[in-house]
Amino acid sequence: MTKPLIVITGASSGIGAETARLFAAEGHPLLLLARRLELLEELGLPDALCRKVDVTDRDAVAAAVREAQERHGPADAIVNNAGAMLLGRVADQPVDEWDRMIDLNIKGVLYGIRAVLPGMLARGAGTVINISSVAGRKTFPNHTAYVATKFAVHALSENLREEVAASGVRVVTIAPGAVETELLSHTSDERIKSDYRAWKESAGGALAPRAVAEAVAYAYRQPPEVTIREIVLAATGQES
């Protein structure tokens, strides 16, 4: 049988790229979205429609989803993975960093959901998987604005699940601890970056992106009548 379409945002590296590789290996056609088109194409995955899309552009997200669905049929799942982690103290962090995280981590997730959800509701099936963080469940030093956006992802995911549960649509929150990705490199405060690296090393390292991708796939593979509402995972040595 032909596998259904899966949409993955932020698919050019890290968790998104590993999730794309995993689902491609299982025979799913993919819509891969990211700002770095060349990295998407370098993945070289079969039946993967790669589009340069910033998920803060809701019209571009919707257009890419329409194009993919015309080619591969309805989207059975979306993995809202695109996000930014810009650490800083509220008293002196550049405010435009807050704006970037709010636009990407919250609005970008909502735009991805809106692009696929009406079709899922009409069909009575589908899975929305939102990549949040343990920072959506507890606080950390120098994470205030980032934590705010990830608490929002947890809240909107649970509220959405309540809205759509009776329609047969599943909503899953994946909450990883520290992961070996590019996220930290975008933080502008060098001291905070250094402290974060030291904290990560003290925990014996971070999760491999593949571990998070496997959690995504596990939740998706469940029978339609089963929803894994939330998966929280972290490196064994990470205490907080």
C-alpha atoms as a PDB file:
ATOM      1  CA  MET A   1       0.000   0.000   0.000  1.00  0.00           C
ATOM      2  CA  THR A   2       1.127   3.562  -0.686  1.00  0.00           C
ATOM      3  CA  LYS A   3       2.089   5.366   2.487  1.00  0.00           C
ATOM      4  CA  PRO A   4       0.489   8.765   3.190  1.00  0.00           C
ATOM      5  CA  LEU A   5       2.127  12.179   3.030  1.00  0.00           C
ATOM      6  CA  ILE A   6       3.959  13.567   6.049  1.00  0.00           C
ATOM      7  CA  VAL A   7       4.886  17.252   6.406  1.00  0.00           C
ATOM      8  CA  ILE A   8       8.010  18.185   8.363  1.00  0.00           C
ATOM      9  CA  THR A   9       9.039  21.753   9.155  1.00  0.00           C
ATOM     10  CA  GLY A  10      12.592  22.715  10.044  1.00  0.00           C
ATOM     11  CA  ALA A  11      13.732  19.642   8.125  1.00  0.00           C
ATOM     12  CA  SER A  12      17.156  20.864   7.004  1.00  0.00           C
ATOM     13  CA  SER A  13      19.102  19.641  10.043  1.00  0.00           C
ATOM     14  CA  GLY A  14      18.913  18.083  13.481  1.00  0.00           C
ATOM     15  CA  ILE A  15      15.644  16.532  14.602  1.00  0.00           C
ATOM     16  CA  GLY A  16      13.817  17.500  11.418  1.00  0.00           C
ATOM     17  CA  ALA A  17      16.386  15.915   9.108  1.00  0.00           C
ATOM     18  CA  GLU A  18      16.517  12.705  11.148  1.00  0.00           C
ATOM     19  CA  THR A  19      12.728  12.502  11.202  1.00  0.00           C
ATOM     20  CA  ALA A  20      12.675  12.940   7.436  1.00  0.00           C
ATOM     21  CA  ARG A  21      15.226  10.162   6.959  1.00  0.00           C
ATOM     22  CA  LEU A  22      13.268   7.829   9.199  1.00  0.00           C
ATOM     23  CA  PHE A  23       9.898   8.360   7.512  1.00  0.00           C
ATOM     24  CA  ALA A  24      11.462   8.226   4.044  1.00  0.00           C
ATOM     25  CA  ALA A  25      12.966   4.837   4.917  1.00  0.00           C
ATOM     26  CA  GLU A  26       9.463   3.666   5.786  1.00  0.00           C
ATOM     27  CA  GLY A  27       8.172   4.692   2.363  1.00  0.00           C
ATOM     28  CA  HIS A  28       6.340   7.928   3.118  1.00  0.00           C
ATOM     29  CA  PRO A  29       6.263  10.777   0.619  1.00  0.00           C
ATOM     30  CA  LEU A  30       7.370  13.949   2.345  1.00  0.00           C
ATOM     31  CA  LEU A  31       6.954  17.684   2.238  1.00  0.00           C
ATOM     32  CA  LEU A  32      10.120  19.149   3.737  1.00  0.00           C
ATOM     33  CA  LEU A  33      10.131  22.818   4.691  1.00  0.00           C
ATOM     34  CA  ALA A  34      13.076  24.956   5.804  1.00  0.00           C
ATOM     35  CA  ARG A  35      14.773  28.229   4.962  1.00  0.00           C
ATOM     36  CA  ARG A  36      17.892  26.442   3.674  1.00  0.00           C
ATOM     37  CA  LEU A  37      16.718  24.688   0.548  1.00  0.00           C
ATOM     38  CA  GLU A  38      20.159  23.388  -0.364  1.00  0.00           C
ATOM     39  CA  LEU A  39      20.349  21.356   2.856  1.00  0.00           C
ATOM     40  CA  LEU A  40      16.926  19.846   2.220  1.00  0.00           C
ATOM     41  CA  GLU A  41      17.983  18.780  -1.258  1.00  0.00           C
ATOM     42  CA  GLU A  42      21.275  17.363   0.050  1.00  0.00           C
ATOM     43  CA  LEU A  43      19.291  14.854   2.107  1.00  0.00           C
ATOM     44  CA  GLY A  44      18.542  13.143  -1.201  1.00  0.00           C
ATOM     45  CA  LEU A  45      15.356  11.486   0.009  1.00  0.00           C
ATOM     46  CA  PRO A  46      12.940   9.784  -2.395  1.00  0.00           C
ATOM     47  CA  ASP A  47       9.483  11.282  -2.935  1.00  0.00           C
ATOM     48  CA  ALA A  48      10.482  14.369  -0.961  1.00  0.00           C
ATOM     49  CA  LEU A  49       9.138  17.719  -2.102  1.00  0.00           C
ATOM     50  CA  CYS A  50      11.601  20.301  -0.763  1.00  0.00           C
ATOM     51  CA  ARG A  51      10.504  23.910  -0.434  1.00  0.00           C
ATOM     52  CA  LYS A  52      12.265  26.999   0.889  1.00  0.00           C
ATOM     53  CA  VAL A  53       9.680  28.241   3.370  1.00  0.00           C
ATOM     54  CA  ASP A  54       9.928  30.292   6.541  1.00  0.00           C
ATOM     55  CA  VAL A  55       7.128  28.965   8.748  1.00  0.00           C
ATOM     56  CA  THR A  56       6.401  32.484   9.980  1.00  0.00           C
ATOM     57  CA  ASP A  57       4.959  33.098   6.484  1.00  0.00           C
ATOM     58  CA  ARG A  58       1.542  31.471   6.788  1.00  0.00           C
ATOM     59  CA  ASP A  59       0.662  31.906   3.126  1.00  0.00           C
ATOM     60  CA  ALA A  60       3.872  30.180   2.039  1.00  0.00           C
ATOM     61  CA  VAL A  61       3.244  27.288   4.439  1.00  0.00           C
ATOM     62  CA  ALA A  62      -0.309  26.856   3.162  1.00  0.00           C
ATOM     63  CA  ALA A  63       0.796  27.022  -0.479  1.00  0.00           C
ATOM     64  CA  ALA A  64       3.487  24.382   0.022  1.00  0.00           C
ATOM     65  CA  VAL A  65       1.034  22.047   1.750  1.00  0.00           C
ATOM     66  CA  ARG A  66      -1.475  22.464  -1.081  1.00  0.00           C
ATOM     67  CA  GLU A  67       1.194  21.674  -3.651  1.00  0.00           C
ATOM     68  CA  ALA A  68       2.320  18.553  -1.805  1.00  0.00           C
ATOM     69  CA  GLN A  69      -1.234  17.309  -1.323  1.00  0.00           C
ATOM     70  CA  GLU A  70      -1.984  17.759  -5.022  1.00  0.00           C
ATOM     71  CA  ARG A  71       1.023  15.567  -5.759  1.00  0.00           C
ATOM     72  CA  HIS A  72       0.862  12.959  -2.989  1.00  0.00           C
ATOM     73  CA  GLY A  73      -2.638  13.098  -1.535  1.00  0.00           C
ATOM     74  CA  PRO A  74      -3.774  14.309   1.883  1.00  0.00           C
ATOM     75  CA  ALA A  75      -1.271  14.983   4.631  1.00  0.00           C
ATOM     76  CA  ASP A  76      -1.704  12.317   7.290  1.00  0.00           C
ATOM     77  CA  ALA A  77       0.707  13.999   9.697  1.00  0.00           C
ATOM     78  CA  ILE A  78       2.622  17.173  10.307  1.00  0.00           C
ATOM     79  CA  VAL A  79       5.735  17.390  12.465  1.00  0.00           C
ATOM     80  CA  ASN A  80       6.047  20.995  13.604  1.00  0.00           C
ATOM     81  CA  ASN A  81       9.754  21.001  14.328  1.00  0.00           C
ATOM     82  CA  ALA A  82      10.963  24.430  13.178  1.00  0.00           C
ATOM     83  CA  GLY A  83      12.009  26.575  16.103  1.00  0.00           C
ATOM     84  CA  ALA A  84      14.606  28.841  17.663  1.00  0.00           C
ATOM     85  CA  MET A  85      16.312  28.795  21.063  1.00  0.00           C
ATOM     86  CA  LEU A  86      17.708  32.234  21.827  1.00  0.00           C
ATOM     87  CA  LEU A  87      18.818  32.281  25.439  1.00  0.00           C
ATOM     88  CA  GLY A  88      19.181  35.455  27.460  1.00  0.00           C
ATOM     89  CA  ARG A  89      18.163  37.467  30.503  1.00  0.00           C
ATOM     90  CA  VAL A  90      14.984  39.485  30.260  1.00  0.00           C
ATOM     91  CA  ALA A  91      16.741  42.633  31.514  1.00  0.00           C
ATOM     92  CA  ASP A  92      19.216  42.766  28.639  1.00  0.00           C
ATOM     93  CA  GLN A  93      18.301  40.273  25.921  1.00  0.00           C
ATOM     94  CA  PRO A  94      17.603  41.990  22.581  1.00  0.00           C
ATOM     95  CA  VAL A  95      13.834  42.257  22.291  1.00  0.00           C
ATOM     96  CA  ASP A  96      13.923  41.257  18.635  1.00  0.00           C
ATOM     97  CA  GLU A  97      15.075  37.823  19.841  1.00  0.00           C
ATOM     98  CA  TRP A  98      11.827  37.509  21.799  1.00  0.00           C
ATOM     99  CA  ASP A  99       9.897  38.468  18.688  1.00  0.00           C
ATOM    100  CA  ARG A 100      11.738  35.887  16.597  1.00  0.00           C
ATOM    101  CA  MET A 101      10.971  33.084  19.039  1.00  0.00           C
ATOM    102  CA  ILE A 102       7.328  34.073  19.414  1.00  0.00           C
ATOM    103  CA  ASP A 103       6.901  34.221  15.646  1.00  0.00           C
ATOM    104  CA  LEU A 104       8.714  30.948  14.981  1.00  0.00           C
ATOM    105  CA  ASN A 105       8.010  28.798  18.030  1.00  0.00           C
ATOM    106  CA  ILE A 106       4.346  29.745  18.473  1.00  0.00           C
ATOM    107  CA  LYS A 107       2.944  31.315  15.317  1.00  0.00           C
ATOM    108  CA  GLY A 108       4.923  28.958  13.086  1.00  0.00           C
ATOM    109  CA  VAL A 109       3.411  25.962  14.874  1.00  0.00           C
ATOM    110  CA  LEU A 110      -0.076  27.399  14.552  1.00  0.00           C
ATOM    111  CA  TYR A 111       0.410  28.120  10.850  1.00  0.00           C
ATOM    112  CA  GLY A 112       1.544  24.551  10.246  1.00  0.00           C
ATOM    113  CA  ILE A 113      -1.481  23.222  12.104  1.00  0.00           C
ATOM    114  CA  ARG A 114      -3.895  25.459  10.178  1.00  0.00           C
ATOM    115  CA  ALA A 115      -2.476  24.291   6.849  1.00  0.00           C
ATOM    116  CA  VAL A 116      -3.359  20.624   7.479  1.00  0.00           C
ATOM    117  CA  LEU A 117      -6.065  20.549  10.154  1.00  0.00           C
ATOM    118  CA  PRO A 118      -9.215  21.345   8.118  1.00  0.00           C
ATOM    119  CA  GLY A 119      -8.482  18.421   5.808  1.00  0.00           C
ATOM    120  CA  MET A 120      -7.778  16.122   8.737  1.00  0.00           C
ATOM    121  CA  LEU A 121     -11.048  17.053  10.386  1.00  0.00           C
ATOM    122  CA  ALA A 122     -12.956  16.490   7.140  1.00  0.00           C
ATOM    123  CA  ARG A 123     -11.426  13.008   6.815  1.00  0.00           C
ATOM    124  CA  GLY A 124     -11.712  12.190  10.521  1.00  0.00           C
ATOM    125  CA  ALA A 125      -8.055  11.197  10.736  1.00  0.00           C
ATOM    126  CA  GLY A 126      -4.595  12.673  11.025  1.00  0.00           C
ATOM    127  CA  THR A 127      -1.795  13.366  13.476  1.00  0.00           C
ATOM    128  CA  VAL A 128      -0.334  16.689  14.589  1.00  0.00           C
ATOM    129  CA  ILE A 129       3.063  16.299  16.264  1.00  0.00           C
ATOM    130  CA  ASN A 130       4.511  19.397  17.899  1.00  0.00           C
ATOM    131  CA  ILE A 131       8.159  19.453  18.973  1.00  0.00           C
ATOM    132  CA  SER A 132       8.314  21.327  22.259  1.00  0.00           C
ATOM    133  CA  SER A 133      10.936  20.918  25.002  1.00  0.00           C
ATOM    134  CA  VAL A 134      11.354  20.046  28.656  1.00  0.00           C
ATOM    135  CA  ALA A 135      11.528  23.852  28.814  1.00  0.00           C
ATOM    136  CA  GLY A 136       7.804  23.704  28.106  1.00  0.00           C
ATOM    137  CA  ARG A 137       7.336  21.953  31.454  1.00  0.00           C
ATOM    138  CA  LYS A 138       9.886  23.600  33.771  1.00  0.00           C
ATOM    139  CA  THR A 139      12.123  26.650  33.936  1.00  0.00           C
ATOM    140  CA  PHE A 140      15.871  27.030  33.411  1.00  0.00           C
ATOM    141  CA  PRO A 141      18.327  29.911  34.002  1.00  0.00           C
ATOM    142  CA  ASN A 142      18.546  32.392  31.123  1.00  0.00           C
ATOM    143  CA  HIS A 143      15.634  30.723  29.315  1.00  0.00           C
ATOM    144  CA  THR A 144      12.722  33.041  30.229  1.00  0.00           C
ATOM    145  CA  ALA A 145      11.495  34.061  26.781  1.00  0.00           C
ATOM    146  CA  TYR A 146      12.277  30.649  25.286  1.00  0.00           C
ATOM    147  CA  VAL A 147      10.472  28.891  28.145  1.00  0.00           C
ATOM    148  CA  ALA A 148       7.462  31.136  27.553  1.00  0.00           C
ATOM    149  CA  THR A 149       7.223  29.997  23.939  1.00  0.00           C
ATOM    150  CA  LYS A 150       7.620  26.320  24.784  1.00  0.00           C
ATOM    151  CA  PHE A 151       5.037  26.473  27.587  1.00  0.00           C
ATOM    152  CA  ALA A 152       2.790  27.937  24.904  1.00  0.00           C
ATOM    153  CA  VAL A 153       3.457  24.966  22.617  1.00  0.00           C
ATOM    154  CA  HIS A 154       2.495  22.575  25.405  1.00  0.00           C
ATOM    155  CA  ALA A 155      -0.663  24.540  26.181  1.00  0.00           C
ATOM    156  CA  LEU A 156      -1.834  24.970  22.601  1.00  0.00           C
ATOM    157  CA  SER A 157      -1.158  21.299  21.875  1.00  0.00           C
ATOM    158  CA  GLU A 158      -3.238  20.063  24.802  1.00  0.00           C
ATOM    159  CA  ASN A 159      -6.057  22.496  24.105  1.00  0.00           C
ATOM    160  CA  LEU A 160      -6.052  21.518  20.434  1.00  0.00           C
ATOM    161  CA  ARG A 161      -6.149  17.849  21.393  1.00  0.00           C
ATOM    162  CA  GLU A 162      -9.298  18.531  23.389  1.00  0.00           C
ATOM    163  CA  GLU A 163     -10.848  20.366  20.437  1.00  0.00           C
ATOM    164  CA  VAL A 164     -10.252  17.623  17.888  1.00  0.00           C
ATOM    165  CA  ALA A 165     -10.265  14.371  19.877  1.00  0.00           C
ATOM    166  CA  ALA A 166     -13.871  13.535  19.013  1.00  0.00           C
ATOM    167  CA  SER A 167     -13.071  14.029  15.313  1.00  0.00           C
ATOM    168  CA  GLY A 168     -10.432  11.308  15.212  1.00  0.00           C
ATOM    169  CA  VAL A 169      -7.434  13.641  14.923  1.00  0.00           C
ATOM    170  CA  ARG A 170      -4.484  13.012  17.246  1.00  0.00           C
ATOM    171  CA  VAL A 171      -2.255  15.680  18.807  1.00  0.00           C
ATOM    172  CA  VAL A 172       1.134  14.732  20.245  1.00  0.00           C
ATOM    173  CA  THR A 173       3.689  16.817  22.139  1.00  0.00           C
ATOM    174  CA  ILE A 174       7.334  15.725  22.047  1.00  0.00           C
ATOM    175  CA  ALA A 175       9.400  17.302  24.841  1.00  0.00           C
ATOM    176  CA  PRO A 176      13.128  16.580  24.540  1.00  0.00           C
ATOM    177  CA  GLY A 177      15.827  17.731  26.884  1.00  0.00           C
ATOM    178  CA  ALA A 178      19.106  18.997  25.492  1.00  0.00           C
ATOM    179  CA  VAL A 179      19.732  17.726  21.955  1.00  0.00           C
ATOM    180  CA  GLU A 180      22.843  17.914  19.794  1.00  0.00           C
ATOM    181  CA  THR A 181      21.516  20.422  17.264  1.00  0.00           C
ATOM    182  CA  GLU A 182      22.329  23.882  15.918  1.00  0.00           C
ATOM    183  CA  LEU A 183      19.889  25.625  18.263  1.00  0.00           C
ATOM    184  CA  LEU A 184      22.451  26.936  20.745  1.00  0.00           C
ATOM    185  CA  SER A 185      24.564  28.533  18.017  1.00  0.00           C
ATOM    186  CA  HIS A 186      21.887  31.183  17.438  1.00  0.00           C
ATOM    187  CA  THR A 187      22.170  32.582  20.989  1.00  0.00           C
ATOM    188  CA  SER A 188      23.963  35.927  20.892  1.00  0.00           C
ATOM    189  CA  ASP A 189      25.334  35.974  24.466  1.00  0.00           C
ATOM    190  CA  GLU A 190      28.674  34.152  24.385  1.00  0.00           C
ATOM    191  CA  ARG A 191      28.860  33.670  28.155  1.00  0.00           C
ATOM    192  CA  ILE A 192      25.439  32.049  28.240  1.00  0.00           C
ATOM    193  CA  LYS A 193      26.447  29.760  25.387  1.00  0.00           C
ATOM    194  CA  SER A 194      29.612  28.773  27.233  1.00  0.00           C
ATOM    195  CA  ASP A 195      27.683  28.065  30.445  1.00  0.00           C
ATOM    196  CA  TYR A 196      25.139  25.980  28.529  1.00  0.00           C
ATOM    197  CA  ARG A 197      27.863  23.891  26.911  1.00  0.00           C
ATOM    198  CA  ALA A 198      29.469  23.302  30.306  1.00  0.00           C
ATOM    199  CA  TRP A 199      26.106  22.260  31.773  1.00  0.00           C
ATOM    200  CA  LYS A 200      25.523  19.875  28.884  1.00  0.00           C
ATOM    201  CA  GLU A 201      28.962  18.327  29.285  1.00  0.00           C
ATOM    202  CA  SER A 202      28.398  17.891  33.021  1.00  0.00           C
ATOM    203  CA  ALA A 203      25.339  15.781  32.160  1.00  0.00           C
ATOM    204  CA  GLY A 204      27.462  13.518  29.970  1.00  0.00           C
ATOM    205  CA  GLY A 205      26.228  14.996  26.692  1.00  0.00           C
ATOM    206  CA  ALA A 206      22.886  15.519  25.014  1.00  0.00           C
ATOM    207  CA  LEU A 207      20.427  13.404  23.063  1.00  0.00           C
ATOM    208  CA  ALA A 208      21.183  12.489  19.479  1.00  0.00           C
ATOM    209  CA  PRO A 209      18.565  13.932  17.105  1.00  0.00           C
ATOM    210  CA  ARG A 210      17.774  10.389  15.956  1.00  0.00           C
ATOM    211  CA  ALA A 211      16.481   9.547  19.442  1.00  0.00           C
ATOM    212  CA  VAL A 212      13.900  12.303  19.173  1.00  0.00           C
ATOM    213  CA  ALA A 213      12.969  11.233  15.644  1.00  0.00           C
ATOM    214  CA  GLU A 214      12.360   7.707  16.953  1.00  0.00           C
ATOM    215  CA  ALA A 215      10.007   9.134  19.586  1.00  0.00           C
ATOM    216  CA  VAL A 216       8.109  10.974  16.860  1.00  0.00           C
ATOM    217  CA  ALA A 217       7.804   7.803  14.806  1.00  0.00           C
ATOM    218  CA  TYR A 218       6.713   5.768  17.835  1.00  0.00           C
ATOM    219  CA  ALA A 219       3.835   8.141  18.529  1.00  0.00           C
ATOM    220  CA  TYR A 220       2.806   8.214  14.877  1.00  0.00           C
ATOM    221  CA  ARG A 221       2.874   4.426  14.476  1.00  0.00           C
ATOM    222  CA  GLN A 222       0.254   3.830  17.152  1.00  0.00           C
ATOM    223  CA  PRO A 223      -3.171   2.604  15.999  1.00  0.00           C
ATOM    224  CA  PRO A 224      -5.532   5.448  15.055  1.00  0.00           C
ATOM    225  CA  GLU A 225      -7.543   4.936  18.236  1.00  0.00           C
ATOM    226  CA  VAL A 226      -4.440   5.513  20.409  1.00  0.00           C
ATOM    227  CA  THR A 227      -2.935   8.934  21.102  1.00  0.00           C
ATOM    228  CA  ILE A 228       0.395   9.278  22.862  1.00  0.00           C
ATOM    229  CA  ARG A 229      -0.374  12.697  24.270  1.00  0.00           C
ATOM    230  CA  GLU A 230       3.159  13.563  25.356  1.00  0.00           C
ATOM    231  CA  ILE A 231       6.628  12.047  25.287  1.00  0.00           C
ATOM    232  CA  VAL A 232       9.298  13.546  27.544  1.00  0.00           C
ATOM    233  CA  LEU A 233      12.836  12.300  26.901  1.00  0.00           C
ATOM    234  CA  ALA A 234      16.324  13.430  27.847  1.00  0.00           C
ATOM    235  CA  ALA A 235      19.834  12.119  28.175  1.00  0.00           C
ATOM    236  CA  THR A 236      20.063   9.869  31.207  1.00  0.00           C
ATOM    237  CA  GLY A 237      22.603  12.156  32.848  1.00  0.00           C
ATOM    238  CA  GLN A 238      20.435  15.260  32.519  1.00  0.00           C
ATOM    239  CA  GLU A 239      19.028  15.839  36.009  1.00  0.00           C
ATOM    240  CA  SER A 240      16.889  18.922  35.310  1.00  0.00           C
END
